Amino acid sequence: MKPLPTKYRDRIFRSRTEARWAVFFTRMDWNWKYEDQGYELESGGNYLPDFEIRLPNLDEWYVEVKPDNFDKFDQDEYMAKLQRFTSEAGKNLLILDGNPSCKPFDIVCHGFEGRSLGMAFLQDYEPYVRWVDDYWAGYINLDERTGRHFTEHADDERMQRKSFGRQYVESLKAARNEKFGI
């Protein structure tokens, strides 16, 4: 099935999911550029990140938005391309699968040989992108049916506010409730 192009803030996004992330970044007061610059990889091929974001602490990230059913383990060539890109660019890349939510997201790490993924949560306070550590690992569960990670925070707004911040939760709501034009 082909995603619907979606208009938000005078831009046409390739999918509604990408547009929802743009709403989320805007509500979080994170600077973002959508498909601003493509790159020719030294290792061959081209790559165009979906977003480049700059966080309030001035950290910069590349972002790739994927549908909720994206299976990174069934995408060896694509994931290798992302790894080559991050290594050449010298920055990490977030893979944001599905709509904005309170779940861990994958990071394609630069500076590592071979395929290396990290895991992080987004939040509305420093460091904004929080790598999963021992503390957070205790809150992550695996859905054995789908192979997807999730947290106990998914349906508890009070716990979401405490863990990710009030602005984060309000940004999730804004992204979920945005009515788009086409």
C-alpha atoms as a PDB file:
ATOM      1  CA  MET A   1       0.000   0.000   0.000  1.00  0.00           C
ATOM      2  CA  LYS A   2       1.336   3.445  -0.928  1.00  0.00           C
ATOM      3  CA  PRO A   3       1.362   6.201   1.744  1.00  0.00           C
ATOM      4  CA  LEU A   4      -0.606   9.397   1.194  1.00  0.00           C
ATOM      5  CA  PRO A   5       1.324  12.613   0.547  1.00  0.00           C
ATOM      6  CA  THR A   6       0.423  14.996   3.377  1.00  0.00           C
ATOM      7  CA  LYS A   7       0.615  18.789   3.637  1.00  0.00           C
ATOM      8  CA  TYR A   8       1.779  20.502   6.836  1.00  0.00           C
ATOM      9  CA  ARG A   9       3.160  24.036   7.152  1.00  0.00           C
ATOM     10  CA  ASP A  10       3.343  24.573   3.395  1.00  0.00           C
ATOM     11  CA  ARG A  11       5.352  21.391   2.849  1.00  0.00           C
ATOM     12  CA  ILE A  12       4.292  18.188   1.200  1.00  0.00           C
ATOM     13  CA  PHE A  13       5.497  15.137   3.115  1.00  0.00           C
ATOM     14  CA  ARG A  14       5.728  11.724   1.494  1.00  0.00           C
ATOM     15  CA  SER A  15       3.587  10.166   4.226  1.00  0.00           C
ATOM     16  CA  ARG A  16       1.205  11.083   7.013  1.00  0.00           C
ATOM     17  CA  THR A  17       3.659   9.520   9.473  1.00  0.00           C
ATOM     18  CA  GLU A  18       6.407  11.944   8.403  1.00  0.00           C
ATOM     19  CA  ALA A  19       3.982  14.850   8.759  1.00  0.00           C
ATOM     20  CA  ARG A  20       3.041  13.710  12.283  1.00  0.00           C
ATOM     21  CA  TRP A  21       6.733  13.727  13.222  1.00  0.00           C
ATOM     22  CA  ALA A  22       7.025  17.271  11.836  1.00  0.00           C
ATOM     23  CA  VAL A  23       4.131  18.312  14.105  1.00  0.00           C
ATOM     24  CA  PHE A  24       5.852  16.606  17.034  1.00  0.00           C
ATOM     25  CA  PHE A  25       9.228  18.308  16.355  1.00  0.00           C
ATOM     26  CA  THR A  26       7.491  21.679  15.973  1.00  0.00           C
ATOM     27  CA  ARG A  27       5.589  21.307  19.257  1.00  0.00           C
ATOM     28  CA  MET A  28       8.808  20.232  20.996  1.00  0.00           C
ATOM     29  CA  ASP A  29      10.470  23.437  19.701  1.00  0.00           C
ATOM     30  CA  TRP A  30      13.099  21.373  17.921  1.00  0.00           C
ATOM     31  CA  ASN A  31      14.466  22.894  14.721  1.00  0.00           C
ATOM     32  CA  TRP A  32      13.945  20.581  11.772  1.00  0.00           C
ATOM     33  CA  LYS A  33      14.546  20.428   8.057  1.00  0.00           C
ATOM     34  CA  TYR A  34      12.673  17.994   5.849  1.00  0.00           C
ATOM     35  CA  GLU A  35      14.570  16.287   3.007  1.00  0.00           C
ATOM     36  CA  ASP A  36      16.848  19.299   2.908  1.00  0.00           C
ATOM     37  CA  GLN A  37      20.059  17.762   1.598  1.00  0.00           C
ATOM     38  CA  GLY A  38      20.883  14.556  -0.239  1.00  0.00           C
ATOM     39  CA  TYR A  39      24.329  12.984   0.006  1.00  0.00           C
ATOM     40  CA  GLU A  40      26.536  11.002  -2.341  1.00  0.00           C
ATOM     41  CA  LEU A  41      28.167   8.271  -0.292  1.00  0.00           C
ATOM     42  CA  GLU A  42      31.904   7.733  -0.715  1.00  0.00           C
ATOM     43  CA  SER A  43      31.164   4.021  -0.507  1.00  0.00           C
ATOM     44  CA  GLY A  44      28.728   4.296  -3.412  1.00  0.00           C
ATOM     45  CA  GLY A  45      25.093   5.275  -3.780  1.00  0.00           C
ATOM     46  CA  ASN A  46      23.094   8.225  -2.524  1.00  0.00           C
ATOM     47  CA  TYR A  47      21.116   8.918   0.614  1.00  0.00           C
ATOM     48  CA  LEU A  48      18.477  11.529   1.490  1.00  0.00           C
ATOM     49  CA  PRO A  49      17.597  11.690   5.219  1.00  0.00           C
ATOM     50  CA  ASP A  50      13.945  12.389   5.979  1.00  0.00           C
ATOM     51  CA  PHE A  51      14.819  14.997   8.613  1.00  0.00           C
ATOM     52  CA  GLU A  52      17.745  16.797  10.126  1.00  0.00           C
ATOM     53  CA  ILE A  53      16.903  18.025  13.622  1.00  0.00           C
ATOM     54  CA  ARG A  54      18.718  20.348  16.001  1.00  0.00           C
ATOM     55  CA  LEU A  55      17.824  19.970  19.654  1.00  0.00           C
ATOM     56  CA  PRO A  56      17.822  22.815  22.212  1.00  0.00           C
ATOM     57  CA  ASN A  57      21.206  21.563  23.499  1.00  0.00           C
ATOM     58  CA  LEU A  58      22.491  22.021  19.893  1.00  0.00           C
ATOM     59  CA  ASP A  59      22.920  18.286  19.284  1.00  0.00           C
ATOM     60  CA  GLU A  60      22.174  17.459  15.669  1.00  0.00           C
ATOM     61  CA  TRP A  61      20.624  14.213  14.472  1.00  0.00           C
ATOM     62  CA  TYR A  62      19.586  12.708  11.196  1.00  0.00           C
ATOM     63  CA  VAL A  63      16.169  11.074  11.272  1.00  0.00           C
ATOM     64  CA  GLU A  64      14.655   8.340   9.138  1.00  0.00           C
ATOM     65  CA  VAL A  65      10.890   7.853   9.534  1.00  0.00           C
ATOM     66  CA  LYS A  66       9.523   4.396   8.816  1.00  0.00           C
ATOM     67  CA  PRO A  67       6.070   2.821   9.024  1.00  0.00           C
ATOM     68  CA  ASP A  68       5.128   1.025  12.205  1.00  0.00           C
ATOM     69  CA  ASN A  69       5.611  -2.355  10.544  1.00  0.00           C
ATOM     70  CA  PHE A  70       9.206  -1.622   9.434  1.00  0.00           C
ATOM     71  CA  ASP A  71      11.376  -4.688  10.079  1.00  0.00           C
ATOM     72  CA  LYS A  72      15.007  -3.638  10.282  1.00  0.00           C
ATOM     73  CA  PHE A  73      16.084  -7.277  10.418  1.00  0.00           C
ATOM     74  CA  ASP A  74      14.584  -7.901   6.997  1.00  0.00           C
ATOM     75  CA  GLN A  75      16.389  -4.896   5.446  1.00  0.00           C
ATOM     76  CA  ASP A  76      20.087  -5.837   5.452  1.00  0.00           C
ATOM     77  CA  GLU A  77      21.100  -3.784   2.408  1.00  0.00           C
ATOM     78  CA  TYR A  78      19.152  -0.716   3.521  1.00  0.00           C
ATOM     79  CA  MET A  79      20.482  -0.885   7.084  1.00  0.00           C
ATOM     80  CA  ALA A  80      24.043  -1.276   5.757  1.00  0.00           C
ATOM     81  CA  LYS A  81      23.490   1.885   3.698  1.00  0.00           C
ATOM     82  CA  LEU A  82      22.336   3.774   6.812  1.00  0.00           C
ATOM     83  CA  GLN A  83      25.420   2.542   8.672  1.00  0.00           C
ATOM     84  CA  ARG A  84      27.707   3.726   5.861  1.00  0.00           C
ATOM     85  CA  PHE A  85      25.943   7.097   5.813  1.00  0.00           C
ATOM     86  CA  THR A  86      26.301   7.700   9.567  1.00  0.00           C
ATOM     87  CA  SER A  87      29.956   6.664   9.476  1.00  0.00           C
ATOM     88  CA  GLU A  88      30.703   9.036   6.603  1.00  0.00           C
ATOM     89  CA  ALA A  89      28.594  11.889   8.048  1.00  0.00           C
ATOM     90  CA  GLY A  90      29.955  11.487  11.590  1.00  0.00           C
ATOM     91  CA  LYS A  91      26.491  11.752  13.185  1.00  0.00           C
ATOM     92  CA  ASN A  92      24.026   9.261  14.576  1.00  0.00           C
ATOM     93  CA  LEU A  93      20.681   8.610  12.915  1.00  0.00           C
ATOM     94  CA  LEU A  94      17.378   7.920  14.668  1.00  0.00           C
ATOM     95  CA  ILE A  95      14.962   5.453  13.101  1.00  0.00           C
ATOM     96  CA  LEU A  96      11.518   6.632  14.167  1.00  0.00           C
ATOM     97  CA  ASP A  97       9.149   3.805  13.322  1.00  0.00           C
ATOM     98  CA  GLY A  98       5.461   4.580  13.439  1.00  0.00           C
ATOM     99  CA  ASN A  99       3.821   7.702  14.796  1.00  0.00           C
ATOM    100  CA  PRO A 100       5.321   9.643  17.728  1.00  0.00           C
ATOM    101  CA  SER A 101       4.948   7.626  20.932  1.00  0.00           C
ATOM    102  CA  CYS A 102       6.505   6.676  24.275  1.00  0.00           C
ATOM    103  CA  LYS A 103       8.620   3.775  23.099  1.00  0.00           C
ATOM    104  CA  PRO A 104      12.295   3.155  22.462  1.00  0.00           C
ATOM    105  CA  PHE A 105      13.607   3.964  18.991  1.00  0.00           C
ATOM    106  CA  ASP A 106      16.635   2.580  17.198  1.00  0.00           C
ATOM    107  CA  ILE A 107      19.796   4.585  16.620  1.00  0.00           C
ATOM    108  CA  VAL A 108      22.212   3.791  13.812  1.00  0.00           C
ATOM    109  CA  CYS A 109      25.514   4.638  15.480  1.00  0.00           C
ATOM    110  CA  HIS A 110      28.394   6.294  13.656  1.00  0.00           C
ATOM    111  CA  GLY A 111      31.970   5.338  14.320  1.00  0.00           C
ATOM    112  CA  PHE A 112      31.316   1.608  14.563  1.00  0.00           C
ATOM    113  CA  GLU A 113      32.425  -1.039  12.126  1.00  0.00           C
ATOM    114  CA  GLY A 114      29.692  -3.233  10.748  1.00  0.00           C
ATOM    115  CA  ARG A 115      26.081  -2.954  11.752  1.00  0.00           C
ATOM    116  CA  SER A 116      25.588  -1.385  15.142  1.00  0.00           C
ATOM    117  CA  LEU A 117      22.286  -0.239  16.619  1.00  0.00           C
ATOM    118  CA  GLY A 118      21.597   1.548  19.843  1.00  0.00           C
ATOM    119  CA  MET A 119      18.260   2.246  21.466  1.00  0.00           C
ATOM    120  CA  ALA A 120      16.959   5.521  22.867  1.00  0.00           C
ATOM    121  CA  PHE A 121      13.929   7.353  24.156  1.00  0.00           C
ATOM    122  CA  LEU A 122      13.031  10.908  23.265  1.00  0.00           C
ATOM    123  CA  GLN A 123      12.161  13.369  26.047  1.00  0.00           C
ATOM    124  CA  ASP A 124      11.567  17.094  26.509  1.00  0.00           C
ATOM    125  CA  TYR A 125      14.587  17.776  28.748  1.00  0.00           C
ATOM    126  CA  GLU A 126      18.356  17.236  28.588  1.00  0.00           C
ATOM    127  CA  PRO A 127      19.699  15.226  26.853  1.00  0.00           C
ATOM    128  CA  TYR A 128      16.480  15.039  24.701  1.00  0.00           C
ATOM    129  CA  VAL A 129      17.669  11.772  23.158  1.00  0.00           C
ATOM    130  CA  ARG A 130      18.331   9.409  26.081  1.00  0.00           C
ATOM    131  CA  TRP A 131      20.258   6.265  25.305  1.00  0.00           C
ATOM    132  CA  VAL A 132      18.767   3.222  26.952  1.00  0.00           C
ATOM    133  CA  ASP A 133      20.827   2.405  30.038  1.00  0.00           C
ATOM    134  CA  ASP A 134      20.418  -0.191  32.792  1.00  0.00           C
ATOM    135  CA  TYR A 135      17.633   1.826  34.431  1.00  0.00           C
ATOM    136  CA  TRP A 136      15.577   2.187  31.243  1.00  0.00           C
ATOM    137  CA  ALA A 137      16.245  -1.378  30.140  1.00  0.00           C
ATOM    138  CA  GLY A 138      14.093  -2.470  33.085  1.00  0.00           C
ATOM    139  CA  TYR A 139      11.080  -0.696  31.551  1.00  0.00           C
ATOM    140  CA  ILE A 140      11.400  -2.184  28.066  1.00  0.00           C
ATOM    141  CA  ASN A 141       9.425  -5.251  27.117  1.00  0.00           C
ATOM    142  CA  LEU A 142       9.421  -7.318  23.946  1.00  0.00           C
ATOM    143  CA  ASP A 143       6.256  -8.312  22.143  1.00  0.00           C
ATOM    144  CA  GLU A 144       7.222 -11.860  21.146  1.00  0.00           C
ATOM    145  CA  ARG A 145       4.500 -11.943  18.507  1.00  0.00           C
ATOM    146  CA  THR A 146       5.792  -8.883  16.586  1.00  0.00           C
ATOM    147  CA  GLY A 147       9.382  -8.587  17.828  1.00  0.00           C
ATOM    148  CA  ARG A 148       8.734  -4.928  18.749  1.00  0.00           C
ATOM    149  CA  HIS A 149       9.843  -3.200  21.925  1.00  0.00           C
ATOM    150  CA  PHE A 150       7.381  -1.324  24.093  1.00  0.00           C
ATOM    151  CA  THR A 151       7.221   0.181  27.571  1.00  0.00           C
ATOM    152  CA  GLU A 152       4.767   0.075  30.419  1.00  0.00           C
ATOM    153  CA  HIS A 153       4.327   3.835  29.839  1.00  0.00           C
ATOM    154  CA  ALA A 154       2.209   3.325  26.719  1.00  0.00           C
ATOM    155  CA  ASP A 155      -1.188   3.833  28.382  1.00  0.00           C
ATOM    156  CA  ASP A 156      -0.331   5.731  31.564  1.00  0.00           C
ATOM    157  CA  GLU A 157      -0.270   9.488  30.942  1.00  0.00           C
ATOM    158  CA  ARG A 158       0.910  10.299  34.478  1.00  0.00           C
ATOM    159  CA  MET A 159       3.872   7.960  34.068  1.00  0.00           C
ATOM    160  CA  GLN A 160       4.555   9.409  30.589  1.00  0.00           C
ATOM    161  CA  ARG A 161       4.695  12.959  31.968  1.00  0.00           C
ATOM    162  CA  LYS A 162       7.009  11.877  34.757  1.00  0.00           C
ATOM    163  CA  SER A 163       9.363   9.975  32.441  1.00  0.00           C
ATOM    164  CA  PHE A 164       9.307  12.000  29.218  1.00  0.00           C
ATOM    165  CA  GLY A 165       8.023  15.404  30.313  1.00  0.00           C
ATOM    166  CA  ARG A 166       4.829  17.430  30.029  1.00  0.00           C
ATOM    167  CA  GLN A 167       5.769  19.079  26.720  1.00  0.00           C
ATOM    168  CA  TYR A 168       6.582  15.665  25.266  1.00  0.00           C
ATOM    169  CA  VAL A 169       3.145  14.302  26.146  1.00  0.00           C
ATOM    170  CA  GLU A 170       1.420  17.440  24.793  1.00  0.00           C
ATOM    171  CA  SER A 171       3.479  17.141  21.583  1.00  0.00           C
ATOM    172  CA  LEU A 172       2.370  13.508  21.200  1.00  0.00           C
ATOM    173  CA  LYS A 173      -1.253  14.593  21.519  1.00  0.00           C
ATOM    174  CA  ALA A 174      -0.794  17.413  18.992  1.00  0.00           C
ATOM    175  CA  ALA A 175       0.810  15.049  16.467  1.00  0.00           C
ATOM    176  CA  ARG A 176      -1.920  12.451  16.967  1.00  0.00           C
ATOM    177  CA  ASN A 177      -4.764  14.984  16.657  1.00  0.00           C
ATOM    178  CA  GLU A 178      -3.460  17.141  13.776  1.00  0.00           C
ATOM    179  CA  LYS A 179      -5.904  17.420  10.871  1.00  0.00           C
ATOM    180  CA  PHE A 180      -3.926  17.593   7.630  1.00  0.00           C
ATOM    181  CA  GLY A 181      -4.681  18.912   4.197  1.00  0.00           C
ATOM    182  CA  ILE A 182      -3.571  17.075   1.080  1.00  0.00           C
END
